[in-house]
Structure formats: C-alpha cells, structure tokens
Amino acid sequence: MKQLHYIDNSGRAHVSIVRQQDDDPRIGIPLEPPDVGCIDWEGVKTDLHNELTVRGIRTLNDVRSNGNGFTGAILGALKNRLIALYREEEEDKKQ
C-alpha cells in the first residue's frame, strides 16, 4: 500500500491509500480530516467576536501589541468546535 496526494478541482488537498500498482488516488481509501464544512461557522463568528471583546482587541494597534491574545482569540473560537468534529468522527467509526 502507498499514499497518494492530490488536489481536487476546488483546491482542497487529499490523501488516499492505494495498492502499490495503482496510480489513481480517487480509487483508494481516503485519509481525511473531518469535514470542516460541518462546523457551525456562525457560532465561530460569535465566539471570535466575544473572544476579541473580552481580550480588549478592538483595533489594529491592539492586534500589534497583543499578538498572543489575538492568536488565542482565534484558536479559542475555533479549537473546541474542531475537536468536537474529530470526536464525532471517532464515535461514528465505533458504531
């Protein structure tokens, strides 16, 4: 078995496992992260707004002077929702 990488028509990267003699990654077993399209993006926007507000990051100067807080706000808004997708995928595999 080998892994093949490819980019689809929408620009997304994919990896799949195929037999040694195969060259078409689309026929293999996909090795994919969860579908990020399933994230509640409206919820992420609300969470990000709230994180930025709580951290006092309101202007570009705030971003420049508090880069770690800015990065933390982004991660805080997205991280838990993304981890939840991974958990859901794991639970689906168990069933």
PDB file of N, CA and C in Angstrom:
ATOM      1  N   MET A   1       0.842  -1.181   0.000  1.00  0.00           N
ATOM      2  CA  MET A   1       0.000   0.000   0.000  1.00  0.00           C
ATOM      3  C   MET A   1       0.890   1.249   0.000  1.00  0.00           C
ATOM      4  N   LYS A   2       0.352   2.288  -0.631  1.00  0.00           N
ATOM      5  CA  LYS A   2       1.077   3.554  -0.645  1.00  0.00           C
ATOM      6  C   LYS A   2       0.079   4.698  -0.531  1.00  0.00           C
ATOM      7  N   GLN A   3       0.584   5.840  -0.126  1.00  0.00           N
ATOM      8  CA  GLN A   3      -0.253   7.029  -0.018  1.00  0.00           C
ATOM      9  C   GLN A   3      -0.040   7.911  -1.236  1.00  0.00           C
ATOM     10  N   LEU A   4      -1.145   8.409  -1.774  1.00  0.00           N
ATOM     11  CA  LEU A   4      -1.077   9.343  -2.891  1.00  0.00           C
ATOM     12  C   LEU A   4      -1.761  10.645  -2.480  1.00  0.00           C
ATOM     13  N   HIS A   5      -1.146  11.740  -2.834  1.00  0.00           N
ATOM     14  CA  HIS A   5      -1.676  13.070  -2.551  1.00  0.00           C
ATOM     15  C   HIS A   5      -2.211  13.665  -3.847  1.00  0.00           C
ATOM     16  N   TYR A   6      -3.307  14.429  -3.730  1.00  0.00           N
ATOM     17  CA  TYR A   6      -3.815  15.139  -4.896  1.00  0.00           C
ATOM     18  C   TYR A   6      -4.622  16.344  -4.459  1.00  0.00           C
ATOM     19  N   ILE A   7      -4.829  17.246  -5.385  1.00  0.00           N
ATOM     20  CA  ILE A   7      -5.628  18.448  -5.171  1.00  0.00           C
ATOM     21  C   ILE A   7      -6.870  18.326  -6.048  1.00  0.00           C
ATOM     22  N   ASP A   8      -8.048  18.520  -5.444  1.00  0.00           N
ATOM     23  CA  ASP A   8      -9.279  18.420  -6.238  1.00  0.00           C
ATOM     24  C   ASP A   8      -9.561  19.733  -6.960  1.00  0.00           C
ATOM     25  N   ASN A   9     -10.658  19.766  -7.712  1.00  0.00           N
ATOM     26  CA  ASN A   9     -10.998  20.942  -8.517  1.00  0.00           C
ATOM     27  C   ASN A   9     -11.288  22.187  -7.685  1.00  0.00           C
ATOM     28  N   SER A  10     -11.631  22.002  -6.411  1.00  0.00           N
ATOM     29  CA  SER A  10     -11.904  23.152  -5.549  1.00  0.00           C
ATOM     30  C   SER A  10     -10.640  23.634  -4.831  1.00  0.00           C
ATOM     31  N   GLY A  11      -9.509  22.966  -5.064  1.00  0.00           N
ATOM     32  CA  GLY A  11      -8.245  23.372  -4.459  1.00  0.00           C
ATOM     33  C   GLY A  11      -7.929  22.700  -3.140  1.00  0.00           C
ATOM     34  N   ARG A  12      -8.774  21.747  -2.714  1.00  0.00           N
ATOM     35  CA  ARG A  12      -8.535  21.050  -1.447  1.00  0.00           C
ATOM     36  C   ARG A  12      -7.569  19.887  -1.641  1.00  0.00           C
ATOM     37  N   ALA A  13      -6.647  19.770  -0.685  1.00  0.00           N
ATOM     38  CA  ALA A  13      -5.675  18.681  -0.704  1.00  0.00           C
ATOM     39  C   ALA A  13      -6.300  17.418  -0.132  1.00  0.00           C
ATOM     40  N   HIS A  14      -5.952  16.282  -0.708  1.00  0.00           N
ATOM     41  CA  HIS A  14      -6.456  14.985  -0.258  1.00  0.00           C
ATOM     42  C   HIS A  14      -5.322  13.975  -0.248  1.00  0.00           C
ATOM     43  N   VAL A  15      -5.476  12.964   0.582  1.00  0.00           N
ATOM     44  CA  VAL A  15      -4.542  11.836   0.636  1.00  0.00           C
ATOM     45  C   VAL A  15      -5.378  10.570   0.669  1.00  0.00           C
ATOM     46  N   SER A  16      -4.948   9.566  -0.075  1.00  0.00           N
ATOM     47  CA  SER A  16      -5.614   8.276   0.000  1.00  0.00           C
ATOM     48  C   SER A  16      -4.583   7.166  -0.073  1.00  0.00           C
ATOM     49  N   ILE A  17      -4.983   6.007   0.441  1.00  0.00           N
ATOM     50  CA  ILE A  17      -4.141   4.812   0.396  1.00  0.00           C
ATOM     51  C   ILE A  17      -4.617   3.967  -0.781  1.00  0.00           C
ATOM     52  N   VAL A  18      -3.667   3.566  -1.609  1.00  0.00           N
ATOM     53  CA  VAL A  18      -3.976   2.693  -2.750  1.00  0.00           C
ATOM     54  C   VAL A  18      -2.987   1.527  -2.761  1.00  0.00           C
ATOM     55  N   ARG A  19      -3.314   0.540  -3.582  1.00  0.00           N
ATOM     56  CA  ARG A  19      -2.385  -0.575  -3.761  1.00  0.00           C
ATOM     57  C   ARG A  19      -1.132  -0.070  -4.487  1.00  0.00           C
ATOM     58  N   GLN A  20      -0.020  -0.751  -4.311  1.00  0.00           N
ATOM     59  CA  GLN A  20       1.247  -0.348  -4.930  1.00  0.00           C
ATOM     60  C   GLN A  20       1.110  -0.126  -6.432  1.00  0.00           C
ATOM     61  N   GLN A  21       0.319  -0.956  -7.096  1.00  0.00           N
ATOM     62  CA  GLN A  21       0.231  -0.879  -8.551  1.00  0.00           C
ATOM     63  C   GLN A  21      -0.748   0.195  -9.041  1.00  0.00           C
ATOM     64  N   ASP A  22      -1.507   0.811  -8.146  1.00  0.00           N
ATOM     65  CA  ASP A  22      -2.494   1.811  -8.554  1.00  0.00           C
ATOM     66  C   ASP A  22      -1.894   3.209  -8.556  1.00  0.00           C
ATOM     67  N   ASP A  23      -2.380   4.025  -9.492  1.00  0.00           N
ATOM     68  CA  ASP A  23      -1.888   5.399  -9.603  1.00  0.00           C
ATOM     69  C   ASP A  23      -2.986   6.444  -9.453  1.00  0.00           C
ATOM     70  N   ASP A  24      -4.242   6.026  -9.315  1.00  0.00           N
ATOM     71  CA  ASP A  24      -5.345   6.965  -9.192  1.00  0.00           C
ATOM     72  C   ASP A  24      -5.758   7.071  -7.728  1.00  0.00           C
ATOM     73  N   PRO A  25      -5.465   8.200  -7.090  1.00  0.00           N
ATOM     74  CA  PRO A  25      -5.779   8.326  -5.665  1.00  0.00           C
ATOM     75  C   PRO A  25      -7.272   8.321  -5.373  1.00  0.00           C
ATOM     76  N   ARG A  26      -8.095   8.608  -6.361  1.00  0.00           N
ATOM     77  CA  ARG A  26      -9.547   8.673  -6.142  1.00  0.00           C
ATOM     78  C   ARG A  26     -10.171   7.294  -5.907  1.00  0.00           C
ATOM     79  N   ILE A  27      -9.434   6.218  -6.250  1.00  0.00           N
ATOM     80  CA  ILE A  27      -9.983   4.876  -6.034  1.00  0.00           C
ATOM     81  C   ILE A  27      -9.565   4.291  -4.693  1.00  0.00           C
ATOM     82  N   GLY A  28      -8.716   5.010  -3.970  1.00  0.00           N
ATOM     83  CA  GLY A  28      -8.191   4.495  -2.715  1.00  0.00           C
ATOM     84  C   GLY A  28      -9.064   4.803  -1.517  1.00  0.00           C
ATOM     85  N   ILE A  29      -8.539   4.467  -0.368  1.00  0.00           N
ATOM     86  CA  ILE A  29      -9.197   4.743   0.906  1.00  0.00           C
ATOM     87  C   ILE A  29      -8.764   6.134   1.342  1.00  0.00           C
ATOM     88  N   PRO A  30      -9.710   7.062   1.496  1.00  0.00           N
ATOM     89  CA  PRO A  30      -9.329   8.426   1.855  1.00  0.00           C
ATOM     90  C   PRO A  30      -8.810   8.525   3.286  1.00  0.00           C
ATOM     91  N   LEU A  31      -7.802   9.345   3.456  1.00  0.00           N
ATOM     92  CA  LEU A  31      -7.261   9.689   4.770  1.00  0.00           C
ATOM     93  C   LEU A  31      -7.522  11.179   4.944  1.00  0.00           C
ATOM     94  N   GLU A  32      -8.636  11.506   5.535  1.00  0.00           N
ATOM     95  CA  GLU A  32      -9.102  12.887   5.572  1.00  0.00           C
ATOM     96  C   GLU A  32      -9.362  13.357   6.997  1.00  0.00           C
ATOM     97  N   PRO A  33      -9.164  14.642   7.237  1.00  0.00           N
ATOM     98  CA  PRO A  33      -9.673  15.202   8.492  1.00  0.00           C
ATOM     99  C   PRO A  33     -11.190  15.295   8.386  1.00  0.00           C
ATOM    100  N   PRO A  34     -11.861  15.585   9.485  1.00  0.00           N
ATOM    101  CA  PRO A  34     -13.318  15.754   9.401  1.00  0.00           C
ATOM    102  C   PRO A  34     -13.674  16.892   8.436  1.00  0.00           C
ATOM    103  N   ASP A  35     -14.884  16.849   7.932  1.00  0.00           N
ATOM    104  CA  ASP A  35     -15.368  17.877   7.013  1.00  0.00           C
ATOM    105  C   ASP A  35     -15.594  19.178   7.771  1.00  0.00           C
ATOM    106  N   VAL A  36     -14.705  20.151   7.567  1.00  0.00           N
ATOM    107  CA  VAL A  36     -14.824  21.419   8.290  1.00  0.00           C
ATOM    108  C   VAL A  36     -16.055  22.208   7.864  1.00  0.00           C
ATOM    109  N   GLY A  37     -16.676  21.800   6.777  1.00  0.00           N
ATOM    110  CA  GLY A  37     -17.931  22.423   6.372  1.00  0.00           C
ATOM    111  C   GLY A  37     -19.037  22.169   7.376  1.00  0.00           C
ATOM    112  N   CYS A  38     -18.852  21.184   8.236  1.00  0.00           N
ATOM    113  CA  CYS A  38     -19.855  20.862   9.256  1.00  0.00           C
ATOM    114  C   CYS A  38     -19.752  21.759  10.486  1.00  0.00           C
ATOM    115  N   ILE A  39     -18.707  22.573  10.560  1.00  0.00           N
ATOM    116  CA  ILE A  39     -18.560  23.479  11.702  1.00  0.00           C
ATOM    117  C   ILE A  39     -19.650  24.542  11.638  1.00  0.00           C
ATOM    118  N   ASP A  40     -20.169  24.902  12.786  1.00  0.00           N
ATOM    119  CA  ASP A  40     -21.142  25.983  12.899  1.00  0.00           C
ATOM    120  C   ASP A  40     -20.378  27.301  12.776  1.00  0.00           C
ATOM    121  N   TRP A  41     -20.219  27.784  11.542  1.00  0.00           N
ATOM    122  CA  TRP A  41     -19.407  28.977  11.298  1.00  0.00           C
ATOM    123  C   TRP A  41     -20.039  30.236  11.882  1.00  0.00           C
ATOM    124  N   GLU A  42     -21.348  30.275  11.955  1.00  0.00           N
ATOM    125  CA  GLU A  42     -21.993  31.419  12.609  1.00  0.00           C
ATOM    126  C   GLU A  42     -21.618  31.440  14.088  1.00  0.00           C
ATOM    127  N   GLY A  43     -21.587  30.276  14.698  1.00  0.00           N
ATOM    128  CA  GLY A  43     -21.168  30.171  16.090  1.00  0.00           C
ATOM    129  C   GLY A  43     -19.712  30.569  16.275  1.00  0.00           C
ATOM    130  N   VAL A  44     -18.858  30.188  15.313  1.00  0.00           N
ATOM    131  CA  VAL A  44     -17.445  30.571  15.376  1.00  0.00           C
ATOM    132  C   VAL A  44     -17.324  32.093  15.315  1.00  0.00           C
ATOM    133  N   LYS A  45     -18.090  32.718  14.441  1.00  0.00           N
ATOM    134  CA  LYS A  45     -18.034  34.178  14.338  1.00  0.00           C
ATOM    135  C   LYS A  45     -18.446  34.838  15.650  1.00  0.00           C
ATOM    136  N   THR A  46     -19.481  34.309  16.277  1.00  0.00           N
ATOM    137  CA  THR A  46     -19.921  34.855  17.567  1.00  0.00           C
ATOM    138  C   THR A  46     -18.846  34.643  18.626  1.00  0.00           C
ATOM    139  N   ASP A  47     -18.294  33.425  18.681  1.00  0.00           N
ATOM    140  CA  ASP A  47     -17.246  33.122  19.657  1.00  0.00           C
ATOM    141  C   ASP A  47     -16.024  34.013  19.448  1.00  0.00           C
ATOM    142  N   LEU A  48     -15.629  34.214  18.184  1.00  0.00           N
ATOM    143  CA  LEU A  48     -14.466  35.048  17.879  1.00  0.00           C
ATOM    144  C   LEU A  48     -14.720  36.496  18.299  1.00  0.00           C
ATOM    145  N   HIS A  49     -15.886  37.005  17.971  1.00  0.00           N
ATOM    146  CA  HIS A  49     -16.245  38.367  18.387  1.00  0.00           C
ATOM    147  C   HIS A  49     -16.128  38.496  19.908  1.00  0.00           C
ATOM    148  N   ASN A  50     -16.683  37.525  20.625  1.00  0.00           N
ATOM    149  CA  ASN A  50     -16.665  37.569  22.084  1.00  0.00           C
ATOM    150  C   ASN A  50     -15.241  37.464  22.634  1.00  0.00           C
ATOM    151  N   GLU A  51     -14.437  36.572  22.057  1.00  0.00           N
ATOM    152  CA  GLU A  51     -13.040  36.417  22.493  1.00  0.00           C
ATOM    153  C   GLU A  51     -12.264  37.717  22.283  1.00  0.00           C
ATOM    154  N   LEU A  52     -12.430  38.347  21.120  1.00  0.00           N
ATOM    155  CA  LEU A  52     -11.729  39.603  20.840  1.00  0.00           C
ATOM    156  C   LEU A  52     -12.183  40.700  21.800  1.00  0.00           C
ATOM    157  N   THR A  53     -13.472  40.731  22.082  1.00  0.00           N
ATOM    158  CA  THR A  53     -14.006  41.740  23.000  1.00  0.00           C
ATOM    159  C   THR A  53     -13.457  41.553  24.400  1.00  0.00           C
ATOM    160  N   VAL A  54     -13.502  40.319  24.908  1.00  0.00           N
ATOM    161  CA  VAL A  54     -13.018  40.029  26.257  1.00  0.00           C
ATOM    162  C   VAL A  54     -11.530  40.351  26.384  1.00  0.00           C
ATOM    163  N   ARG A  55     -10.773  40.100  25.337  1.00  0.00           N
ATOM    164  CA  ARG A  55      -9.326  40.331  25.372  1.00  0.00           C
ATOM    165  C   ARG A  55      -8.960  41.784  25.073  1.00  0.00           C
ATOM    166  N   GLY A  56      -9.947  42.608  24.780  1.00  0.00           N
ATOM    167  CA  GLY A  56      -9.692  44.022  24.521  1.00  0.00           C
ATOM    168  C   GLY A  56      -8.994  44.288  23.206  1.00  0.00           C
ATOM    169  N   ILE A  57      -9.228  43.433  22.229  1.00  0.00           N
ATOM    170  CA  ILE A  57      -8.579  43.589  20.921  1.00  0.00           C
ATOM    171  C   ILE A  57      -9.606  44.200  19.968  1.00  0.00           C
ATOM    172  N   ARG A  58      -9.536  45.536  19.843  1.00  0.00           N
ATOM    173  CA  ARG A  58     -10.542  46.258  19.075  1.00  0.00           C
ATOM    174  C   ARG A  58      -9.969  46.991  17.867  1.00  0.00           C
ATOM    175  N   THR A  59      -8.677  47.232  17.871  1.00  0.00           N
ATOM    176  CA  THR A  59      -8.048  47.997  16.793  1.00  0.00           C
ATOM    177  C   THR A  59      -6.832  47.246  16.266  1.00  0.00           C
ATOM    178  N   LEU A  60      -6.324  47.697  15.131  1.00  0.00           N
ATOM    179  CA  LEU A  60      -5.110  47.100  14.578  1.00  0.00           C
ATOM    180  C   LEU A  60      -3.946  47.289  15.547  1.00  0.00           C
ATOM    181  N   ASN A  61      -3.908  48.399  16.218  1.00  0.00           N
ATOM    182  CA  ASN A  61      -2.861  48.626  17.215  1.00  0.00           C
ATOM    183  C   ASN A  61      -2.953  47.589  18.331  1.00  0.00           C
ATOM    184  N   ASP A  62      -4.190  47.246  18.741  1.00  0.00           N
ATOM    185  CA  ASP A  62      -4.374  46.198  19.748  1.00  0.00           C
ATOM    186  C   ASP A  62      -3.835  44.860  19.249  1.00  0.00           C
ATOM    187  N   VAL A  63      -4.081  44.572  17.986  1.00  0.00           N
ATOM    188  CA  VAL A  63      -3.578  43.320  17.395  1.00  0.00           C
ATOM    189  C   VAL A  63      -2.059  43.316  17.433  1.00  0.00           C
ATOM    190  N   ARG A  64      -1.467  44.437  17.038  1.00  0.00           N
ATOM    191  CA  ARG A  64       0.003  44.530  17.006  1.00  0.00           C
ATOM    192  C   ARG A  64       0.617  44.416  18.391  1.00  0.00           C
ATOM    193  N   SER A  65      -0.031  44.998  19.362  1.00  0.00           N
ATOM    194  CA  SER A  65       0.552  44.999  20.710  1.00  0.00           C
ATOM    195  C   SER A  65       0.190  43.750  21.511  1.00  0.00           C
ATOM    196  N   ASN A  66      -0.784  42.989  21.049  1.00  0.00           N
ATOM    197  CA  ASN A  66      -1.212  41.792  21.774  1.00  0.00           C
ATOM    198  C   ASN A  66      -1.382  40.629  20.801  1.00  0.00           C
ATOM    199  N   GLY A  67      -0.316  40.315  20.093  1.00  0.00           N
ATOM    200  CA  GLY A  67      -0.362  39.241  19.097  1.00  0.00           C
ATOM    201  C   GLY A  67      -0.747  37.896  19.679  1.00  0.00           C
ATOM    202  N   ASN A  68      -0.243  37.606  20.877  1.00  0.00           N
ATOM    203  CA  ASN A  68      -0.585  36.330  21.501  1.00  0.00           C
ATOM    204  C   ASN A  68      -2.069  36.276  21.853  1.00  0.00           C
ATOM    205  N   GLY A  69      -2.610  37.383  22.337  1.00  0.00           N
ATOM    206  CA  GLY A  69      -4.031  37.428  22.658  1.00  0.00           C
ATOM    207  C   GLY A  69      -4.885  37.298  21.415  1.00  0.00           C
ATOM    208  N   PHE A  70      -4.416  37.888  20.320  1.00  0.00           N
ATOM    209  CA  PHE A  70      -5.129  37.804  19.043  1.00  0.00           C
ATOM    210  C   PHE A  70      -5.155  36.358  18.548  1.00  0.00           C
ATOM    211  N   THR A  71      -4.006  35.717  18.567  1.00  0.00           N
ATOM    212  CA  THR A  71      -3.930  34.311  18.165  1.00  0.00           C
ATOM    213  C   THR A  71      -4.764  33.443  19.090  1.00  0.00           C
ATOM    214  N   GLY A  72      -4.708  33.720  20.378  1.00  0.00           N
ATOM    215  CA  GLY A  72      -5.502  32.971  21.342  1.00  0.00           C
ATOM    216  C   GLY A  72      -6.989  33.113  21.107  1.00  0.00           C
ATOM    217  N   ALA A  73      -7.409  34.310  20.703  1.00  0.00           N
ATOM    218  CA  ALA A  73      -8.831  34.533  20.409  1.00  0.00           C
ATOM    219  C   ALA A  73      -9.272  33.677  19.226  1.00  0.00           C
ATOM    220  N   ILE A  74      -8.443  33.635  18.196  1.00  0.00           N
ATOM    221  CA  ILE A  74      -8.766  32.831  17.010  1.00  0.00           C
ATOM    222  C   ILE A  74      -8.833  31.351  17.383  1.00  0.00           C
ATOM    223  N   LEU A  75      -7.819  30.889  18.074  1.00  0.00           N
ATOM    224  CA  LEU A  75      -7.802  29.477  18.488  1.00  0.00           C
ATOM    225  C   LEU A  75      -8.961  29.160  19.420  1.00  0.00           C
ATOM    226  N   GLY A  76      -9.239  30.062  20.343  1.00  0.00           N
ATOM    227  CA  GLY A  76     -10.334  29.842  21.269  1.00  0.00           C
ATOM    228  C   GLY A  76     -11.675  29.718  20.583  1.00  0.00           C
ATOM    229  N   ALA A  77     -11.853  30.494  19.520  1.00  0.00           N
ATOM    230  CA  ALA A  77     -13.126  30.478  18.802  1.00  0.00           C
ATOM    231  C   ALA A  77     -13.314  29.214  17.976  1.00  0.00           C
ATOM    232  N   LEU A  78     -12.238  28.648  17.515  1.00  0.00           N
ATOM    233  CA  LEU A  78     -12.334  27.524  16.577  1.00  0.00           C
ATOM    234  C   LEU A  78     -11.970  26.167  17.175  1.00  0.00           C
ATOM    235  N   LYS A  79     -11.050  26.148  18.092  1.00  0.00           N
ATOM    236  CA  LYS A  79     -10.460  24.898  18.587  1.00  0.00           C
ATOM    237  C   LYS A  79     -11.499  23.897  19.100  1.00  0.00           C
ATOM    238  N   ASN A  80     -12.361  24.316  20.007  1.00  0.00           N
ATOM    239  CA  ASN A  80     -13.306  23.368  20.602  1.00  0.00           C
ATOM    240  C   ASN A  80     -14.287  22.806  19.580  1.00  0.00           C
ATOM    241  N   ARG A  81     -14.704  23.632  18.641  1.00  0.00           N
ATOM    242  CA  ARG A  81     -15.627  23.146  17.607  1.00  0.00           C
ATOM    243  C   ARG A  81     -14.933  22.142  16.682  1.00  0.00           C
ATOM    244  N   LEU A  82     -13.676  22.379  16.384  1.00  0.00           N
ATOM    245  CA  LEU A  82     -12.926  21.451  15.534  1.00  0.00           C
ATOM    246  C   LEU A  82     -12.660  20.137  16.268  1.00  0.00           C
ATOM    247  N   ILE A  83     -12.306  20.212  17.529  1.00  0.00           N
ATOM    248  CA  ILE A  83     -12.108  18.998  18.329  1.00  0.00           C
ATOM    249  C   ILE A  83     -13.405  18.201  18.389  1.00  0.00           C
ATOM    250  N   ALA A  84     -14.535  18.883  18.506  1.00  0.00           N
ATOM    251  CA  ALA A  84     -15.831  18.199  18.538  1.00  0.00           C
ATOM    252  C   ALA A  84     -16.066  17.426  17.244  1.00  0.00           C
ATOM    253  N   LEU A  85     -15.645  17.985  16.105  1.00  0.00           N
ATOM    254  CA  LEU A  85     -15.784  17.260  14.833  1.00  0.00           C
ATOM    255  C   LEU A  85     -14.964  15.976  14.848  1.00  0.00           C
ATOM    256  N   TYR A  86     -13.742  16.066  15.342  1.00  0.00           N
ATOM    257  CA  TYR A  86     -12.893  14.873  15.431  1.00  0.00           C
ATOM    258  C   TYR A  86     -13.541  13.827  16.340  1.00  0.00           C
ATOM    259  N   ARG A  87     -14.110  14.281  17.457  1.00  0.00           N
ATOM    260  CA  ARG A  87     -14.777  13.340  18.370  1.00  0.00           C
ATOM    261  C   ARG A  87     -15.967  12.675  17.694  1.00  0.00           C
ATOM    262  N   GLU A  88     -16.775  13.461  16.999  1.00  0.00           N
ATOM    263  CA  GLU A  88     -17.944  12.907  16.304  1.00  0.00           C
ATOM    264  C   GLU A  88     -17.516  11.869  15.283  1.00  0.00           C
ATOM    265  N   GLU A  89     -16.461  12.173  14.535  1.00  0.00           N
ATOM    266  CA  GLU A  89     -15.968  11.226  13.539  1.00  0.00           C
ATOM    267  C   GLU A  89     -15.492   9.937  14.204  1.00  0.00           C
ATOM    268  N   GLU A  90     -14.804  10.070  15.329  1.00  0.00           N
ATOM    269  CA  GLU A  90     -14.327   8.907  16.068  1.00  0.00           C
ATOM    270  C   GLU A  90     -15.500   8.055  16.559  1.00  0.00           C
ATOM    271  N   GLU A  91     -16.522   8.712  17.094  1.00  0.00           N
ATOM    272  CA  GLU A  91     -17.709   7.991  17.571  1.00  0.00           C
ATOM    273  C   GLU A  91     -18.425   7.290  16.415  1.00  0.00           C
ATOM    274  N   ASP A  92     -18.500   7.945  15.262  1.00  0.00           N
ATOM    275  CA  ASP A  92     -19.152   7.334  14.096  1.00  0.00           C
ATOM    276  C   ASP A  92     -18.408   6.069  13.649  1.00  0.00           C
ATOM    277  N   LYS A  93     -17.081   6.073  13.767  1.00  0.00           N
ATOM    278  CA  LYS A  93     -16.288   4.905  13.373  1.00  0.00           C
ATOM    279  C   LYS A  93     -16.509   3.731  14.316  1.00  0.00           C
ATOM    280  N   LYS A  94     -16.799   4.033  15.586  1.00  0.00           N
ATOM    281  CA  LYS A  94     -17.018   2.978  16.563  1.00  0.00           C
ATOM    282  C   LYS A  94     -18.348   2.270  16.354  1.00  0.00           C
ATOM    283  N   GLN A  95     -19.296   2.942  15.729  1.00  0.00           N
ATOM    284  CA  GLN A  95     -20.630   2.375  15.559  1.00  0.00           C
ATOM    285  C   GLN A  95     -20.753   1.520  14.339  1.00  0.00           C
TER     286      GLN A  95
END
